[in-house]
Amino acid sequence: MSWWREGSLRELTVGHQVASQRYSIDKSDPRSWTLVIRNVTQSDAGNYICQINLSKLKEKFYRLSVLRTFTENQALETTKQDSTKLNDEYVKDEATPYKNMSHQ
């Protein structure tokens, strides 16, 4: 399980390991790996990819828009349960992308 920022050559997270202290994984729900970004800035806006590789590769794409920045010690969480922070959600199973407008 890993999180990527689109256009980056380096993962933000791989399993529980993170590339920077700004990122962490919230595993409080065993069915969800939530990417947490601390000290969010406008430059964090963009597309993020959640990737899992079990028997075959599955990817889920999220577009993050930063409407305002947060003070230190606040975190912005992107979760399936709280999709109000997402503009669009894309799912890709192998090489078949589609746009999911329901934000399940």
C-alpha atoms as a PDB file:
ATOM      1  CA  MET A   1       0.000   0.000   0.000  1.00  0.00           C
ATOM      2  CA  SER A   2       1.461   3.350  -0.979  1.00  0.00           C
ATOM      3  CA  TRP A   3       0.492   6.975  -1.562  1.00  0.00           C
ATOM      4  CA  TRP A   4       1.988   9.056  -4.390  1.00  0.00           C
ATOM      5  CA  ARG A   5       1.657  12.614  -5.531  1.00  0.00           C
ATOM      6  CA  GLU A   6       1.030  12.689  -9.286  1.00  0.00           C
ATOM      7  CA  GLY A   7       4.137  13.824 -11.127  1.00  0.00           C
ATOM      8  CA  SER A   8       6.465  12.821  -8.290  1.00  0.00           C
ATOM      9  CA  LEU A   9       9.048  10.090  -8.758  1.00  0.00           C
ATOM     10  CA  ARG A  10       9.061   9.250  -5.053  1.00  0.00           C
ATOM     11  CA  GLU A  11       6.325   7.732  -2.889  1.00  0.00           C
ATOM     12  CA  LEU A  12       4.892   9.802  -0.034  1.00  0.00           C
ATOM     13  CA  THR A  13       4.256   6.615   1.932  1.00  0.00           C
ATOM     14  CA  VAL A  14       5.041   2.914   1.585  1.00  0.00           C
ATOM     15  CA  GLY A  15       3.251   0.841   4.188  1.00  0.00           C
ATOM     16  CA  HIS A  16       3.754   2.743   7.439  1.00  0.00           C
ATOM     17  CA  GLN A  17       6.980   4.427   6.280  1.00  0.00           C
ATOM     18  CA  VAL A  18       6.733   8.070   5.214  1.00  0.00           C
ATOM     19  CA  ALA A  19       8.968  10.311   3.098  1.00  0.00           C
ATOM     20  CA  SER A  20       8.512  13.336   5.383  1.00  0.00           C
ATOM     21  CA  GLN A  21       7.193  14.062   8.872  1.00  0.00           C
ATOM     22  CA  ARG A  22       4.444  16.107   7.200  1.00  0.00           C
ATOM     23  CA  TYR A  23       2.812  12.853   6.067  1.00  0.00           C
ATOM     24  CA  SER A  24       1.375  10.029   8.103  1.00  0.00           C
ATOM     25  CA  ILE A  25      -1.048   7.148   7.702  1.00  0.00           C
ATOM     26  CA  ASP A  26      -4.146   6.922   9.893  1.00  0.00           C
ATOM     27  CA  LYS A  27      -5.072   3.258  10.257  1.00  0.00           C
ATOM     28  CA  SER A  28      -7.825   3.727  12.898  1.00  0.00           C
ATOM     29  CA  ASP A  29     -10.261   2.091  10.459  1.00  0.00           C
ATOM     30  CA  PRO A  30      -8.763  -1.304   9.493  1.00  0.00           C
ATOM     31  CA  ARG A  31     -10.407  -1.078   6.043  1.00  0.00           C
ATOM     32  CA  SER A  32      -8.906   2.324   5.224  1.00  0.00           C
ATOM     33  CA  TRP A  33      -5.403   3.797   4.916  1.00  0.00           C
ATOM     34  CA  THR A  34      -5.934   7.533   5.324  1.00  0.00           C
ATOM     35  CA  LEU A  35      -3.215   9.896   4.129  1.00  0.00           C
ATOM     36  CA  VAL A  36      -2.766  12.757   6.602  1.00  0.00           C
ATOM     37  CA  ILE A  37      -0.925  15.905   5.455  1.00  0.00           C
ATOM     38  CA  ARG A  38       0.253  18.289   8.173  1.00  0.00           C
ATOM     39  CA  ASN A  39       0.932  22.006   7.708  1.00  0.00           C
ATOM     40  CA  VAL A  40      -0.891  22.077   4.373  1.00  0.00           C
ATOM     41  CA  THR A  41       0.047  24.833   1.914  1.00  0.00           C
ATOM     42  CA  GLN A  42      -1.264  25.879  -1.487  1.00  0.00           C
ATOM     43  CA  SER A  43       1.578  23.890  -3.083  1.00  0.00           C
ATOM     44  CA  ASP A  44       0.015  20.669  -1.723  1.00  0.00           C
ATOM     45  CA  ALA A  45      -2.930  21.049  -4.110  1.00  0.00           C
ATOM     46  CA  GLY A  46      -2.937  18.439  -6.850  1.00  0.00           C
ATOM     47  CA  ASN A  47      -3.656  14.809  -7.624  1.00  0.00           C
ATOM     48  CA  TYR A  48      -2.812  12.040  -5.167  1.00  0.00           C
ATOM     49  CA  ILE A  49      -2.766   8.310  -5.866  1.00  0.00           C
ATOM     50  CA  CYS A  50      -3.487   5.508  -3.412  1.00  0.00           C
ATOM     51  CA  GLN A  51      -1.977   2.297  -4.776  1.00  0.00           C
ATOM     52  CA  ILE A  52      -2.370  -1.267  -3.551  1.00  0.00           C
ATOM     53  CA  ASN A  53      -0.746  -4.292  -5.138  1.00  0.00           C
ATOM     54  CA  LEU A  54      -2.245  -7.593  -4.035  1.00  0.00           C
ATOM     55  CA  SER A  55      -2.989 -10.106  -6.782  1.00  0.00           C
ATOM     56  CA  LYS A  56      -3.238  -7.196  -9.224  1.00  0.00           C
ATOM     57  CA  LEU A  57      -2.518  -3.476  -9.091  1.00  0.00           C
ATOM     58  CA  LYS A  58      -5.344  -1.157  -8.016  1.00  0.00           C
ATOM     59  CA  GLU A  59      -5.124   2.624  -7.876  1.00  0.00           C
ATOM     60  CA  LYS A  60      -7.487   5.288  -6.596  1.00  0.00           C
ATOM     61  CA  PHE A  61      -6.953   8.922  -7.570  1.00  0.00           C
ATOM     62  CA  TYR A  62      -7.901  11.967  -5.492  1.00  0.00           C
ATOM     63  CA  ARG A  63      -7.671  15.638  -6.432  1.00  0.00           C
ATOM     64  CA  LEU A  64      -6.945  17.918  -3.487  1.00  0.00           C
ATOM     65  CA  SER A  65      -7.782  21.621  -3.636  1.00  0.00           C
ATOM     66  CA  VAL A  66      -6.431  23.817  -0.866  1.00  0.00           C
ATOM     67  CA  LEU A  67      -8.992  26.520  -0.100  1.00  0.00           C
ATOM     68  CA  ARG A  68      -7.105  27.905   2.869  1.00  0.00           C
ATOM     69  CA  THR A  69      -4.000  26.927   4.786  1.00  0.00           C
ATOM     70  CA  PHE A  70      -4.065  25.604   8.320  1.00  0.00           C
ATOM     71  CA  THR A  71      -2.068  26.614  11.345  1.00  0.00           C
ATOM     72  CA  GLU A  72       0.694  24.394  12.670  1.00  0.00           C
ATOM     73  CA  ASN A  73      -0.487  21.175  14.365  1.00  0.00           C
ATOM     74  CA  GLN A  74      -3.644  20.959  12.267  1.00  0.00           C
ATOM     75  CA  ALA A  75      -3.979  18.151   9.735  1.00  0.00           C
ATOM     76  CA  LEU A  76      -5.996  17.754   6.567  1.00  0.00           C
ATOM     77  CA  GLU A  77      -7.248  14.210   6.077  1.00  0.00           C
ATOM     78  CA  THR A  78      -8.428  12.733   2.839  1.00  0.00           C
ATOM     79  CA  THR A  79     -10.725   9.826   3.583  1.00  0.00           C
ATOM     80  CA  LYS A  80     -13.350   7.855   1.804  1.00  0.00           C
ATOM     81  CA  GLN A  81     -15.808   8.594   4.602  1.00  0.00           C
ATOM     82  CA  ASP A  82     -15.227  12.379   4.494  1.00  0.00           C
ATOM     83  CA  SER A  83     -15.100  13.117   0.780  1.00  0.00           C
ATOM     84  CA  THR A  84     -16.323  16.701   1.198  1.00  0.00           C
ATOM     85  CA  LYS A  85     -12.670  17.735   1.059  1.00  0.00           C
ATOM     86  CA  LEU A  86     -12.281  16.153  -2.387  1.00  0.00           C
ATOM     87  CA  ASN A  87     -13.118  17.752  -5.707  1.00  0.00           C
ATOM     88  CA  ASP A  88     -13.104  14.574  -7.760  1.00  0.00           C
ATOM     89  CA  GLU A  89     -12.403  10.935  -7.189  1.00  0.00           C
ATOM     90  CA  TYR A  90     -10.979   8.638  -9.848  1.00  0.00           C
ATOM     91  CA  VAL A  91     -10.561   4.883  -9.667  1.00  0.00           C
ATOM     92  CA  LYS A  92      -8.252   2.868 -11.877  1.00  0.00           C
ATOM     93  CA  ASP A  93      -8.223  -0.927 -11.885  1.00  0.00           C
ATOM     94  CA  GLU A  94      -5.184  -1.915 -13.931  1.00  0.00           C
ATOM     95  CA  ALA A  95      -5.421   0.348 -17.003  1.00  0.00           C
ATOM     96  CA  THR A  96      -9.157   1.066 -17.013  1.00  0.00           C
ATOM     97  CA  PRO A  97      -9.832   4.554 -15.575  1.00  0.00           C
ATOM     98  CA  TYR A  98     -13.278   5.951 -14.914  1.00  0.00           C
ATOM     99  CA  LYS A  99     -14.649   8.993 -13.129  1.00  0.00           C
ATOM    100  CA  ASN A 100     -16.709   8.316 -10.010  1.00  0.00           C
ATOM    101  CA  MET A 101     -19.085  11.213  -9.363  1.00  0.00           C
ATOM    102  CA  SER A 102     -20.829   9.614  -6.374  1.00  0.00           C
ATOM    103  CA  HIS A 103     -17.972  10.140  -3.869  1.00  0.00           C
ATOM    104  CA  GLN A 104     -18.859   6.961  -2.011  1.00  0.00           C
END
